[in-house]
Amino acid sequence: MKRTVVATILLGALGMVIPAPQARAQVSVSVSIGAFYDELSPYGEWVDCTYGECWVPRGVGAGWQPYTNGQWIYTRYGWTWVSSDPWGANPYHYGTWALIARHGWVWVPGTVWAPAWVTWSYSDSYVGWAPMPPTVAFGSAGYSGRPVVVNEAQYVFVPTNRFVGTNVTSVRVEPRRNAEIFRQAKPVTRFEVSGGVVRNMAVPVATVQRAMGSKIETREISTANTTPRTVSSGGVARSGRVAIVAPARDVKAARASRQTAAPATPQQQQLQAQPQRQAPPQQQQQAKQQQAQPQHQPPQQQPKVQPQQGREKAMPASEEQGKDRGKKDQPGGEERPR
């Protein structure tokens, strides 16, 4: 009789404990976005853009682009960006960047970690990359289908033999040559999910080693001042889809929760007093052209992206997420499978 009573009590206790992990996972997602808000606010402005709440860095030069002030290294997670920006520890590993007419380049928050959220275009002579569009999502096993191709002006190109271990700003090819290089390069987009962590190994190491004439060292991920996190810790269920950016409503809620945060320190106030950056006229024009006149195939003519080796095709984020961000997902205007 006593054993029966004890067993009943234990089962009841277990029933009460089981829901707890799910609650903690939901909190971790909210805290991540809120932490980004606290971390980045002293270095820029949070604005309402096409994709919801976005962050605009302050103090960057005219014509600035993401993934330029820093260098590439190769780690066990693939090609990894090491930022030299004072705020760059997280915006290059979570979420992605988008070119908005009014603000220039803005960071759209996300909670899923990657060594770099970029799509590539490479040849024996040059390697180029551009931020993944915010509307892209893919299966939890990864993506290796048709390449995601954005406007050629959004790519940053460097000589292949200077691709690794060199600050990009010192070796970047002049942007006016992008069209010429892009025509001769091979676009590729590939994200693996191994051990629950996203990896970016799209550009063949052998191609870069051949151009450099030496073996590429596999560096420790700590060199990039970042810590890998599993997709599940970013709020992605085992059978769910990996969205690069977080739902707009989650970002808005996280920002609202920070409105009563502690007052800024004197150093933060000094940073916040700097004038907000305005996008250069050329960037504004590029962004307007991309939003108003898609340069690529119209949506109804776009080829479907085919999954390869168990990985699902890339696709715009869910219909609900698109509504949250105040815009229809229009892959024809931002990325094109090629």
C-alpha atoms as a PDB file:
ATOM      1  CA  MET A   1       0.000   0.000   0.000  1.00  0.00           C
ATOM      2  CA  LYS A   2       2.825   2.380   0.934  1.00  0.00           C
ATOM      3  CA  ARG A   3       4.633   1.583  -2.322  1.00  0.00           C
ATOM      4  CA  THR A   4       1.494   2.416  -4.302  1.00  0.00           C
ATOM      5  CA  VAL A   5       1.121   5.769  -2.553  1.00  0.00           C
ATOM      6  CA  VAL A   6       4.798   6.651  -3.111  1.00  0.00           C
ATOM      7  CA  ALA A   7       4.577   5.704  -6.815  1.00  0.00           C
ATOM      8  CA  THR A   8       1.453   7.851  -7.219  1.00  0.00           C
ATOM      9  CA  ILE A   9       3.186  10.852  -5.626  1.00  0.00           C
ATOM     10  CA  LEU A  10       6.274  10.428  -7.857  1.00  0.00           C
ATOM     11  CA  LEU A  11       4.192  10.209 -11.029  1.00  0.00           C
ATOM     12  CA  GLY A  12       2.274  13.315 -10.041  1.00  0.00           C
ATOM     13  CA  ALA A  13       5.497  15.189  -9.411  1.00  0.00           C
ATOM     14  CA  LEU A  14       6.893  14.149 -12.783  1.00  0.00           C
ATOM     15  CA  GLY A  15       3.733  15.342 -14.484  1.00  0.00           C
ATOM     16  CA  MET A  16       4.224  18.743 -12.903  1.00  0.00           C
ATOM     17  CA  VAL A  17       7.899  18.960 -13.958  1.00  0.00           C
ATOM     18  CA  ILE A  18       7.625  17.903 -17.619  1.00  0.00           C
ATOM     19  CA  PRO A  19       6.338  21.253 -19.051  1.00  0.00           C
ATOM     20  CA  ALA A  20       9.235  23.244 -17.492  1.00  0.00           C
ATOM     21  CA  PRO A  21      11.867  22.772 -20.289  1.00  0.00           C
ATOM     22  CA  GLN A  22       9.500  24.250 -22.887  1.00  0.00           C
ATOM     23  CA  ALA A  23       8.965  27.346 -20.740  1.00  0.00           C
ATOM     24  CA  ARG A  24      12.725  27.811 -20.319  1.00  0.00           C
ATOM     25  CA  ALA A  25      13.265  27.520 -24.079  1.00  0.00           C
ATOM     26  CA  GLN A  26      10.713  30.248 -24.758  1.00  0.00           C
ATOM     27  CA  VAL A  27      12.347  32.511 -22.190  1.00  0.00           C
ATOM     28  CA  SER A  28      15.808  31.944 -23.687  1.00  0.00           C
ATOM     29  CA  VAL A  29      14.644  33.209 -27.081  1.00  0.00           C
ATOM     30  CA  SER A  30      13.136  36.371 -25.574  1.00  0.00           C
ATOM     31  CA  VAL A  31      16.221  37.020 -23.438  1.00  0.00           C
ATOM     32  CA  SER A  32      18.523  36.666 -26.465  1.00  0.00           C
ATOM     33  CA  ILE A  33      16.728  39.394 -28.398  1.00  0.00           C
ATOM     34  CA  GLY A  34      16.534  41.588 -25.340  1.00  0.00           C
ATOM     35  CA  ALA A  35      20.258  41.141 -24.736  1.00  0.00           C
ATOM     36  CA  PHE A  36      20.979  42.216 -28.305  1.00  0.00           C
ATOM     37  CA  TYR A  37      18.867  45.315 -27.738  1.00  0.00           C
ATOM     38  CA  ASP A  38      20.832  46.263 -24.622  1.00  0.00           C
ATOM     39  CA  GLU A  39      24.171  45.492 -26.258  1.00  0.00           C
ATOM     40  CA  LEU A  40      23.613  47.410 -29.503  1.00  0.00           C
ATOM     41  CA  SER A  41      21.596  50.441 -28.380  1.00  0.00           C
ATOM     42  CA  PRO A  42      24.680  52.496 -27.392  1.00  0.00           C
ATOM     43  CA  TYR A  43      26.136  51.988 -30.880  1.00  0.00           C
ATOM     44  CA  GLY A  44      23.165  52.839 -33.062  1.00  0.00           C
ATOM     45  CA  GLU A  45      19.448  53.400 -33.452  1.00  0.00           C
ATOM     46  CA  TRP A  46      16.544  50.977 -33.375  1.00  0.00           C
ATOM     47  CA  VAL A  47      14.138  51.874 -36.167  1.00  0.00           C
ATOM     48  CA  ASP A  48      10.957  50.497 -37.698  1.00  0.00           C
ATOM     49  CA  CYS A  49      11.848  49.216 -41.159  1.00  0.00           C
ATOM     50  CA  THR A  50      10.372  46.883 -43.753  1.00  0.00           C
ATOM     51  CA  TYR A  51      11.028  43.843 -41.562  1.00  0.00           C
ATOM     52  CA  GLY A  52       9.895  45.267 -38.229  1.00  0.00           C
ATOM     53  CA  GLU A  53      12.302  46.490 -35.546  1.00  0.00           C
ATOM     54  CA  CYS A  54      15.800  46.831 -37.033  1.00  0.00           C
ATOM     55  CA  TRP A  55      19.096  48.277 -35.838  1.00  0.00           C
ATOM     56  CA  VAL A  56      21.162  50.910 -37.696  1.00  0.00           C
ATOM     57  CA  PRO A  57      24.847  51.240 -36.688  1.00  0.00           C
ATOM     58  CA  ARG A  58      26.122  54.720 -35.906  1.00  0.00           C
ATOM     59  CA  GLY A  59      29.531  56.096 -36.853  1.00  0.00           C
ATOM     60  CA  VAL A  60      30.161  54.033 -40.002  1.00  0.00           C
ATOM     61  CA  GLY A  61      31.378  55.738 -43.169  1.00  0.00           C
ATOM     62  CA  ALA A  62      29.462  56.613 -46.310  1.00  0.00           C
ATOM     63  CA  GLY A  63      28.944  53.580 -48.534  1.00  0.00           C
ATOM     64  CA  TRP A  64      29.600  51.210 -45.621  1.00  0.00           C
ATOM     65  CA  GLN A  65      28.541  47.571 -46.010  1.00  0.00           C
ATOM     66  CA  PRO A  66      28.354  44.725 -43.503  1.00  0.00           C
ATOM     67  CA  TYR A  67      31.041  42.031 -43.589  1.00  0.00           C
ATOM     68  CA  THR A  68      33.788  44.482 -44.601  1.00  0.00           C
ATOM     69  CA  ASN A  69      35.535  45.566 -41.392  1.00  0.00           C
ATOM     70  CA  GLY A  70      37.035  42.250 -40.344  1.00  0.00           C
ATOM     71  CA  GLN A  71      38.441  39.024 -41.756  1.00  0.00           C
ATOM     72  CA  TRP A  72      37.540  35.457 -42.672  1.00  0.00           C
ATOM     73  CA  ILE A  73      38.944  32.426 -40.912  1.00  0.00           C
ATOM     74  CA  TYR A  74      38.170  28.735 -41.285  1.00  0.00           C
ATOM     75  CA  THR A  75      36.904  26.876 -38.194  1.00  0.00           C
ATOM     76  CA  ARG A  76      35.248  23.522 -37.581  1.00  0.00           C
ATOM     77  CA  TYR A  77      31.990  25.348 -38.387  1.00  0.00           C
ATOM     78  CA  GLY A  78      33.201  26.487 -41.792  1.00  0.00           C
ATOM     79  CA  TRP A  79      33.911  30.013 -43.018  1.00  0.00           C
ATOM     80  CA  THR A  80      33.618  32.249 -39.993  1.00  0.00           C
ATOM     81  CA  TRP A  81      33.522  36.044 -39.883  1.00  0.00           C
ATOM     82  CA  VAL A  82      35.759  37.800 -37.345  1.00  0.00           C
ATOM     83  CA  SER A  83      34.472  41.342 -36.954  1.00  0.00           C
ATOM     84  CA  SER A  84      36.615  44.362 -36.093  1.00  0.00           C
ATOM     85  CA  ASP A  85      33.548  46.502 -35.397  1.00  0.00           C
ATOM     86  CA  PRO A  86      33.218  47.387 -31.690  1.00  0.00           C
ATOM     87  CA  TRP A  87      29.651  46.044 -31.764  1.00  0.00           C
ATOM     88  CA  GLY A  88      30.298  43.136 -34.134  1.00  0.00           C
ATOM     89  CA  ALA A  89      30.296  40.127 -31.815  1.00  0.00           C
ATOM     90  CA  ASN A  90      26.655  39.182 -32.521  1.00  0.00           C
ATOM     91  CA  PRO A  91      25.126  40.955 -35.585  1.00  0.00           C
ATOM     92  CA  TYR A  92      27.245  38.847 -37.953  1.00  0.00           C
ATOM     93  CA  HIS A  93      26.302  35.528 -36.311  1.00  0.00           C
ATOM     94  CA  TYR A  94      22.611  36.095 -35.580  1.00  0.00           C
ATOM     95  CA  GLY A  95      20.011  37.607 -37.892  1.00  0.00           C
ATOM     96  CA  THR A  96      21.051  39.267 -41.133  1.00  0.00           C
ATOM     97  CA  TRP A  97      21.430  42.603 -42.906  1.00  0.00           C
ATOM     98  CA  ALA A  98      19.142  44.327 -45.399  1.00  0.00           C
ATOM     99  CA  LEU A  99      19.550  47.421 -47.554  1.00  0.00           C
ATOM    100  CA  ILE A 100      16.736  49.897 -46.835  1.00  0.00           C
ATOM    101  CA  ALA A 101      16.351  53.096 -48.856  1.00  0.00           C
ATOM    102  CA  ARG A 102      15.946  55.449 -45.908  1.00  0.00           C
ATOM    103  CA  HIS A 103      18.530  53.975 -43.553  1.00  0.00           C
ATOM    104  CA  GLY A 104      21.042  52.130 -45.712  1.00  0.00           C
ATOM    105  CA  TRP A 105      22.167  48.804 -44.236  1.00  0.00           C
ATOM    106  CA  VAL A 106      20.173  47.677 -41.192  1.00  0.00           C
ATOM    107  CA  TRP A 107      20.494  44.611 -39.002  1.00  0.00           C
ATOM    108  CA  VAL A 108      17.368  42.440 -38.717  1.00  0.00           C
ATOM    109  CA  PRO A 109      17.550  40.460 -35.428  1.00  0.00           C
ATOM    110  CA  GLY A 110      17.525  36.683 -35.264  1.00  0.00           C
ATOM    111  CA  THR A 111      18.143  34.006 -32.634  1.00  0.00           C
ATOM    112  CA  VAL A 112      19.784  31.227 -34.679  1.00  0.00           C
ATOM    113  CA  TRP A 113      23.596  31.186 -34.660  1.00  0.00           C
ATOM    114  CA  ALA A 114      25.805  30.707 -37.729  1.00  0.00           C
ATOM    115  CA  PRO A 115      29.498  31.333 -38.423  1.00  0.00           C
ATOM    116  CA  ALA A 116      28.262  33.839 -41.033  1.00  0.00           C
ATOM    117  CA  TRP A 117      24.843  34.352 -42.633  1.00  0.00           C
ATOM    118  CA  VAL A 118      26.055  34.990 -46.176  1.00  0.00           C
ATOM    119  CA  THR A 119      25.604  33.665 -49.693  1.00  0.00           C
ATOM    120  CA  TRP A 120      28.681  33.349 -51.916  1.00  0.00           C
ATOM    121  CA  SER A 121      30.001  33.877 -55.421  1.00  0.00           C
ATOM    122  CA  TYR A 122      33.524  32.645 -56.202  1.00  0.00           C
ATOM    123  CA  SER A 123      36.065  31.722 -58.861  1.00  0.00           C
ATOM    124  CA  ASP A 124      39.752  30.835 -58.919  1.00  0.00           C
ATOM    125  CA  SER A 125      40.508  34.571 -58.890  1.00  0.00           C
ATOM    126  CA  TYR A 126      37.888  36.126 -56.605  1.00  0.00           C
ATOM    127  CA  VAL A 127      35.647  35.304 -53.654  1.00  0.00           C
ATOM    128  CA  GLY A 128      32.558  37.389 -52.920  1.00  0.00           C
ATOM    129  CA  TRP A 129      29.768  37.314 -50.361  1.00  0.00           C
ATOM    130  CA  ALA A 130      26.561  39.137 -49.478  1.00  0.00           C
ATOM    131  CA  PRO A 131      24.173  38.971 -46.504  1.00  0.00           C
ATOM    132  CA  MET A 132      21.383  36.421 -46.797  1.00  0.00           C
ATOM    133  CA  PRO A 133      17.956  38.042 -47.392  1.00  0.00           C
ATOM    134  CA  PRO A 134      15.776  38.223 -44.260  1.00  0.00           C
ATOM    135  CA  THR A 135      12.938  36.286 -45.924  1.00  0.00           C
ATOM    136  CA  VAL A 136      14.912  33.042 -46.314  1.00  0.00           C
ATOM    137  CA  ALA A 137      14.198  29.947 -44.214  1.00  0.00           C
ATOM    138  CA  PHE A 138      15.199  26.307 -44.702  1.00  0.00           C
ATOM    139  CA  GLY A 139      14.778  22.853 -43.232  1.00  0.00           C
ATOM    140  CA  SER A 140      16.301  21.851 -39.911  1.00  0.00           C
ATOM    141  CA  ALA A 141      18.730  19.492 -41.723  1.00  0.00           C
ATOM    142  CA  GLY A 142      20.336  22.380 -43.623  1.00  0.00           C
ATOM    143  CA  TYR A 143      20.329  23.694 -47.174  1.00  0.00           C
ATOM    144  CA  SER A 144      22.366  22.861 -50.277  1.00  0.00           C
ATOM    145  CA  GLY A 145      19.972  23.642 -53.116  1.00  0.00           C
ATOM    146  CA  ARG A 146      20.031  26.332 -55.772  1.00  0.00           C
ATOM    147  CA  PRO A 147      22.132  29.346 -54.760  1.00  0.00           C
ATOM    148  CA  VAL A 148      20.442  32.398 -53.305  1.00  0.00           C
ATOM    149  CA  VAL A 149      21.538  35.290 -55.511  1.00  0.00           C
ATOM    150  CA  VAL A 150      21.039  38.944 -54.571  1.00  0.00           C
ATOM    151  CA  ASN A 151      21.764  42.179 -56.398  1.00  0.00           C
ATOM    152  CA  GLU A 152      25.400  42.177 -57.531  1.00  0.00           C
ATOM    153  CA  ALA A 153      25.991  45.576 -55.849  1.00  0.00           C
ATOM    154  CA  GLN A 154      25.469  43.932 -52.441  1.00  0.00           C
ATOM    155  CA  TYR A 155      28.472  41.613 -52.831  1.00  0.00           C
ATOM    156  CA  VAL A 156      31.931  42.268 -51.448  1.00  0.00           C
ATOM    157  CA  PHE A 157      34.733  40.763 -53.541  1.00  0.00           C
ATOM    158  CA  VAL A 158      38.373  40.124 -52.676  1.00  0.00           C
ATOM    159  CA  PRO A 159      41.147  38.254 -54.528  1.00  0.00           C
ATOM    160  CA  THR A 160      40.958  34.555 -53.668  1.00  0.00           C
ATOM    161  CA  ASN A 161      44.607  34.522 -52.598  1.00  0.00           C
ATOM    162  CA  ARG A 162      43.846  37.270 -50.022  1.00  0.00           C
ATOM    163  CA  PHE A 163      40.558  35.838 -48.790  1.00  0.00           C
ATOM    164  CA  VAL A 164      41.748  34.358 -45.483  1.00  0.00           C
ATOM    165  CA  GLY A 165      43.316  36.130 -42.520  1.00  0.00           C
ATOM    166  CA  THR A 166      43.391  39.641 -44.019  1.00  0.00           C
ATOM    167  CA  ASN A 167      41.198  42.603 -43.105  1.00  0.00           C
ATOM    168  CA  VAL A 168      38.756  42.949 -45.992  1.00  0.00           C
ATOM    169  CA  THR A 169      38.956  46.742 -46.086  1.00  0.00           C
ATOM    170  CA  SER A 170      42.602  46.519 -47.193  1.00  0.00           C
ATOM    171  CA  VAL A 171      42.065  44.065 -50.063  1.00  0.00           C
ATOM    172  CA  ARG A 172      38.500  44.661 -51.263  1.00  0.00           C
ATOM    173  CA  VAL A 173      38.061  45.002 -55.011  1.00  0.00           C
ATOM    174  CA  GLU A 174      36.467  48.289 -56.080  1.00  0.00           C
ATOM    175  CA  PRO A 175      32.659  47.881 -56.105  1.00  0.00           C
ATOM    176  CA  ARG A 176      32.468  49.250 -59.667  1.00  0.00           C
ATOM    177  CA  ARG A 177      34.018  45.953 -60.801  1.00  0.00           C
ATOM    178  CA  ASN A 178      31.317  43.817 -59.155  1.00  0.00           C
ATOM    179  CA  ALA A 179      29.318  43.281 -62.357  1.00  0.00           C
ATOM    180  CA  GLU A 180      32.402  42.158 -64.295  1.00  0.00           C
ATOM    181  CA  ILE A 181      33.528  39.724 -61.574  1.00  0.00           C
ATOM    182  CA  PHE A 182      30.037  38.464 -60.846  1.00  0.00           C
ATOM    183  CA  ARG A 183      29.553  37.309 -64.451  1.00  0.00           C
ATOM    184  CA  GLN A 184      32.642  35.102 -64.205  1.00  0.00           C
ATOM    185  CA  ALA A 185      31.975  33.713 -60.717  1.00  0.00           C
ATOM    186  CA  LYS A 186      29.967  30.741 -59.505  1.00  0.00           C
ATOM    187  CA  PRO A 187      27.169  31.484 -56.997  1.00  0.00           C
ATOM    188  CA  VAL A 188      26.689  29.021 -54.167  1.00  0.00           C
ATOM    189  CA  THR A 189      24.653  28.843 -50.958  1.00  0.00           C
ATOM    190  CA  ARG A 190      25.125  26.000 -48.521  1.00  0.00           C
ATOM    191  CA  PHE A 191      24.320  25.630 -44.833  1.00  0.00           C
ATOM    192  CA  GLU A 192      24.792  22.358 -43.010  1.00  0.00           C
ATOM    193  CA  VAL A 193      23.242  21.586 -39.638  1.00  0.00           C
ATOM    194  CA  SER A 194      25.484  19.097 -37.853  1.00  0.00           C
ATOM    195  CA  GLY A 195      25.333  18.400 -34.150  1.00  0.00           C
ATOM    196  CA  GLY A 196      22.441  20.832 -34.070  1.00  0.00           C
ATOM    197  CA  VAL A 197      24.692  23.750 -35.142  1.00  0.00           C
ATOM    198  CA  VAL A 198      24.598  25.661 -38.449  1.00  0.00           C
ATOM    199  CA  ARG A 199      27.805  25.513 -40.518  1.00  0.00           C
ATOM    200  CA  ASN A 200      28.777  27.512 -43.619  1.00  0.00           C
ATOM    201  CA  MET A 201      31.164  25.526 -45.831  1.00  0.00           C
ATOM    202  CA  ALA A 202      29.980  26.627 -49.266  1.00  0.00           C
ATOM    203  CA  VAL A 203      33.277  27.823 -50.745  1.00  0.00           C
ATOM    204  CA  PRO A 204      35.611  24.828 -51.321  1.00  0.00           C
ATOM    205  CA  VAL A 205      38.709  24.992 -49.119  1.00  0.00           C
ATOM    206  CA  ALA A 206      40.745  23.413 -51.934  1.00  0.00           C
ATOM    207  CA  THR A 207      39.977  26.356 -54.249  1.00  0.00           C
ATOM    208  CA  VAL A 208      41.248  28.874 -51.719  1.00  0.00           C
ATOM    209  CA  GLN A 209      44.308  26.796 -50.789  1.00  0.00           C
ATOM    210  CA  ARG A 210      45.243  26.470 -54.444  1.00  0.00           C
ATOM    211  CA  ALA A 211      45.052  30.230 -54.932  1.00  0.00           C
ATOM    212  CA  MET A 212      47.004  30.938 -51.736  1.00  0.00           C
ATOM    213  CA  GLY A 213      49.608  28.274 -52.387  1.00  0.00           C
ATOM    214  CA  SER A 214      49.437  27.077 -48.781  1.00  0.00           C
ATOM    215  CA  LYS A 215      47.293  25.032 -46.431  1.00  0.00           C
ATOM    216  CA  ILE A 216      44.547  26.838 -44.528  1.00  0.00           C
ATOM    217  CA  GLU A 217      44.725  26.448 -40.785  1.00  0.00           C
ATOM    218  CA  THR A 218      41.566  25.445 -38.939  1.00  0.00           C
ATOM    219  CA  ARG A 219      41.233  28.045 -36.198  1.00  0.00           C
ATOM    220  CA  GLU A 220      39.413  27.894 -32.885  1.00  0.00           C
ATOM    221  CA  ILE A 221      35.930  29.445 -32.934  1.00  0.00           C
ATOM    222  CA  SER A 222      36.870  31.572 -29.914  1.00  0.00           C
ATOM    223  CA  THR A 223      39.059  33.610 -32.285  1.00  0.00           C
ATOM    224  CA  ALA A 224      35.850  35.099 -33.680  1.00  0.00           C
ATOM    225  CA  ASN A 225      34.651  36.202 -30.216  1.00  0.00           C
ATOM    226  CA  THR A 226      31.499  34.117 -30.577  1.00  0.00           C
ATOM    227  CA  THR A 227      30.087  30.911 -29.124  1.00  0.00           C
ATOM    228  CA  PRO A 228      28.157  28.437 -31.312  1.00  0.00           C
ATOM    229  CA  ARG A 229      24.616  27.637 -30.246  1.00  0.00           C
ATOM    230  CA  THR A 230      22.314  24.894 -31.440  1.00  0.00           C
ATOM    231  CA  VAL A 231      19.290  25.749 -33.542  1.00  0.00           C
ATOM    232  CA  SER A 232      17.081  24.428 -30.760  1.00  0.00           C
ATOM    233  CA  SER A 233      18.515  26.999 -28.344  1.00  0.00           C
ATOM    234  CA  GLY A 234      17.443  29.607 -30.888  1.00  0.00           C
ATOM    235  CA  GLY A 235      13.844  28.417 -30.668  1.00  0.00           C
ATOM    236  CA  VAL A 236      13.825  25.966 -33.603  1.00  0.00           C
ATOM    237  CA  ALA A 237      12.070  22.654 -32.940  1.00  0.00           C
ATOM    238  CA  ARG A 238      13.675  19.432 -34.178  1.00  0.00           C
ATOM    239  CA  SER A 239      11.233  19.157 -37.098  1.00  0.00           C
ATOM    240  CA  GLY A 240      10.806  22.902 -37.570  1.00  0.00           C
ATOM    241  CA  ARG A 241      12.211  25.344 -40.114  1.00  0.00           C
ATOM    242  CA  VAL A 242      15.276  27.501 -39.564  1.00  0.00           C
ATOM    243  CA  ALA A 243      14.405  31.160 -40.103  1.00  0.00           C
ATOM    244  CA  ILE A 244      17.369  33.530 -40.194  1.00  0.00           C
ATOM    245  CA  VAL A 245      15.421  36.361 -38.558  1.00  0.00           C
ATOM    246  CA  ALA A 246      13.081  36.278 -35.581  1.00  0.00           C
ATOM    247  CA  PRO A 247       9.349  37.025 -35.899  1.00  0.00           C
ATOM    248  CA  ALA A 248       8.751  40.772 -35.815  1.00  0.00           C
ATOM    249  CA  ARG A 249       6.324  40.439 -32.912  1.00  0.00           C
ATOM    250  CA  ASP A 250       9.024  38.771 -30.761  1.00  0.00           C
ATOM    251  CA  VAL A 251      11.526  41.532 -31.494  1.00  0.00           C
ATOM    252  CA  LYS A 252       8.936  44.202 -30.756  1.00  0.00           C
ATOM    253  CA  ALA A 253       8.038  42.546 -27.458  1.00  0.00           C
ATOM    254  CA  ALA A 254      11.706  42.281 -26.461  1.00  0.00           C
ATOM    255  CA  ARG A 255      12.284  45.956 -27.229  1.00  0.00           C
ATOM    256  CA  ALA A 256       9.176  46.968 -25.278  1.00  0.00           C
ATOM    257  CA  SER A 257      10.417  45.017 -22.256  1.00  0.00           C
ATOM    258  CA  ARG A 258      13.596  47.119 -22.311  1.00  0.00           C
ATOM    259  CA  GLN A 259      11.846  50.489 -22.199  1.00  0.00           C
ATOM    260  CA  THR A 260      12.131  50.543 -18.393  1.00  0.00           C
ATOM    261  CA  ALA A 261      15.804  49.515 -18.394  1.00  0.00           C
ATOM    262  CA  ALA A 262      18.416  51.339 -16.299  1.00  0.00           C
ATOM    263  CA  PRO A 263      19.564  54.795 -17.528  1.00  0.00           C
ATOM    264  CA  ALA A 264      22.463  54.858 -19.966  1.00  0.00           C
ATOM    265  CA  THR A 265      25.976  55.323 -18.614  1.00  0.00           C
ATOM    266  CA  PRO A 266      27.927  58.503 -19.517  1.00  0.00           C
ATOM    267  CA  GLN A 267      29.842  56.538 -22.187  1.00  0.00           C
ATOM    268  CA  GLN A 268      26.594  55.236 -23.676  1.00  0.00           C
ATOM    269  CA  GLN A 269      25.100  58.728 -23.648  1.00  0.00           C
ATOM    270  CA  GLN A 270      28.128  60.038 -25.542  1.00  0.00           C
ATOM    271  CA  LEU A 271      27.745  57.333 -28.187  1.00  0.00           C
ATOM    272  CA  GLN A 272      24.008  57.958 -28.469  1.00  0.00           C
ATOM    273  CA  ALA A 273      24.601  61.708 -28.933  1.00  0.00           C
ATOM    274  CA  GLN A 274      26.346  61.088 -32.262  1.00  0.00           C
ATOM    275  CA  PRO A 275      24.149  61.912 -35.279  1.00  0.00           C
ATOM    276  CA  GLN A 276      22.296  59.034 -36.906  1.00  0.00           C
ATOM    277  CA  ARG A 277      23.790  57.841 -40.156  1.00  0.00           C
ATOM    278  CA  GLN A 278      21.870  58.493 -43.348  1.00  0.00           C
ATOM    279  CA  ALA A 279      22.273  56.194 -46.317  1.00  0.00           C
ATOM    280  CA  PRO A 280      24.358  57.713 -49.149  1.00  0.00           C
ATOM    281  CA  PRO A 281      22.257  58.766 -52.188  1.00  0.00           C
ATOM    282  CA  GLN A 282      23.681  55.914 -54.285  1.00  0.00           C
ATOM    283  CA  GLN A 283      22.676  53.300 -51.681  1.00  0.00           C
ATOM    284  CA  GLN A 284      19.248  54.875 -51.307  1.00  0.00           C
ATOM    285  CA  GLN A 285      18.767  54.684 -55.057  1.00  0.00           C
ATOM    286  CA  GLN A 286      19.896  51.039 -55.162  1.00  0.00           C
ATOM    287  CA  ALA A 287      17.514  50.100 -52.362  1.00  0.00           C
ATOM    288  CA  LYS A 288      14.589  51.895 -53.988  1.00  0.00           C
ATOM    289  CA  GLN A 289      15.254  50.231 -57.333  1.00  0.00           C
ATOM    290  CA  GLN A 290      15.388  46.782 -55.750  1.00  0.00           C
ATOM    291  CA  GLN A 291      12.145  47.319 -53.832  1.00  0.00           C
ATOM    292  CA  ALA A 292      10.245  48.999 -56.663  1.00  0.00           C
ATOM    293  CA  GLN A 293      11.557  47.132 -59.703  1.00  0.00           C
ATOM    294  CA  PRO A 294      12.742  43.555 -59.160  1.00  0.00           C
ATOM    295  CA  GLN A 295      15.561  42.988 -61.617  1.00  0.00           C
ATOM    296  CA  HIS A 296      15.153  39.255 -61.843  1.00  0.00           C
ATOM    297  CA  GLN A 297      12.581  36.756 -62.941  1.00  0.00           C
ATOM    298  CA  PRO A 298       9.020  37.503 -61.824  1.00  0.00           C
ATOM    299  CA  PRO A 299       7.846  35.218 -58.998  1.00  0.00           C
ATOM    300  CA  GLN A 300       5.618  33.079 -61.203  1.00  0.00           C
ATOM    301  CA  GLN A 301       8.538  32.237 -63.512  1.00  0.00           C
ATOM    302  CA  GLN A 302      11.103  31.481 -60.831  1.00  0.00           C
ATOM    303  CA  PRO A 303      12.327  27.902 -60.801  1.00  0.00           C
ATOM    304  CA  LYS A 304      11.549  25.970 -57.654  1.00  0.00           C
ATOM    305  CA  VAL A 305      14.524  25.216 -55.454  1.00  0.00           C
ATOM    306  CA  GLN A 306      15.071  21.488 -55.309  1.00  0.00           C
ATOM    307  CA  PRO A 307      16.235  19.817 -52.072  1.00  0.00           C
ATOM    308  CA  GLN A 308      19.444  17.795 -52.187  1.00  0.00           C
ATOM    309  CA  GLN A 309      20.576  14.913 -49.987  1.00  0.00           C
ATOM    310  CA  GLY A 310      17.813  15.255 -47.442  1.00  0.00           C
ATOM    311  CA  ARG A 311      18.151  19.005 -47.064  1.00  0.00           C
ATOM    312  CA  GLU A 312      15.084  21.097 -47.696  1.00  0.00           C
ATOM    313  CA  LYS A 313      14.785  23.950 -50.119  1.00  0.00           C
ATOM    314  CA  ALA A 314      15.251  27.547 -49.077  1.00  0.00           C
ATOM    315  CA  MET A 315      12.047  29.514 -49.056  1.00  0.00           C
ATOM    316  CA  PRO A 316      10.615  32.750 -47.751  1.00  0.00           C
ATOM    317  CA  ALA A 317       9.716  32.681 -44.082  1.00  0.00           C
ATOM    318  CA  SER A 318       6.200  31.723 -43.076  1.00  0.00           C
ATOM    319  CA  GLU A 319       3.150  33.627 -44.230  1.00  0.00           C
ATOM    320  CA  GLU A 320       2.493  34.673 -40.663  1.00  0.00           C
ATOM    321  CA  GLN A 321       5.999  36.011 -40.239  1.00  0.00           C
ATOM    322  CA  GLY A 322       5.703  37.964 -43.466  1.00  0.00           C
ATOM    323  CA  LYS A 323       2.493  39.592 -42.235  1.00  0.00           C
ATOM    324  CA  ASP A 324       4.184  40.454 -38.953  1.00  0.00           C
ATOM    325  CA  ARG A 325       6.901  42.291 -40.818  1.00  0.00           C
ATOM    326  CA  GLY A 326       4.399  44.422 -42.691  1.00  0.00           C
ATOM    327  CA  LYS A 327       5.286  43.105 -46.118  1.00  0.00           C
ATOM    328  CA  LYS A 328       4.570  40.244 -48.458  1.00  0.00           C
ATOM    329  CA  ASP A 329       7.516  37.931 -48.989  1.00  0.00           C
ATOM    330  CA  GLN A 330       8.690  38.677 -52.520  1.00  0.00           C
ATOM    331  CA  PRO A 331      11.743  36.563 -53.259  1.00  0.00           C
ATOM    332  CA  GLY A 332      11.851  37.926 -56.794  1.00  0.00           C
ATOM    333  CA  GLY A 333      12.745  41.352 -55.421  1.00  0.00           C
ATOM    334  CA  GLU A 334      15.419  40.227 -52.979  1.00  0.00           C
ATOM    335  CA  GLU A 335      16.896  36.898 -53.967  1.00  0.00           C
ATOM    336  CA  ARG A 336      16.686  34.654 -56.958  1.00  0.00           C
ATOM    337  CA  PRO A 337      17.486  30.960 -57.204  1.00  0.00           C
ATOM    338  CA  ARG A 338      20.012  30.485 -59.929  1.00  0.00           C
END
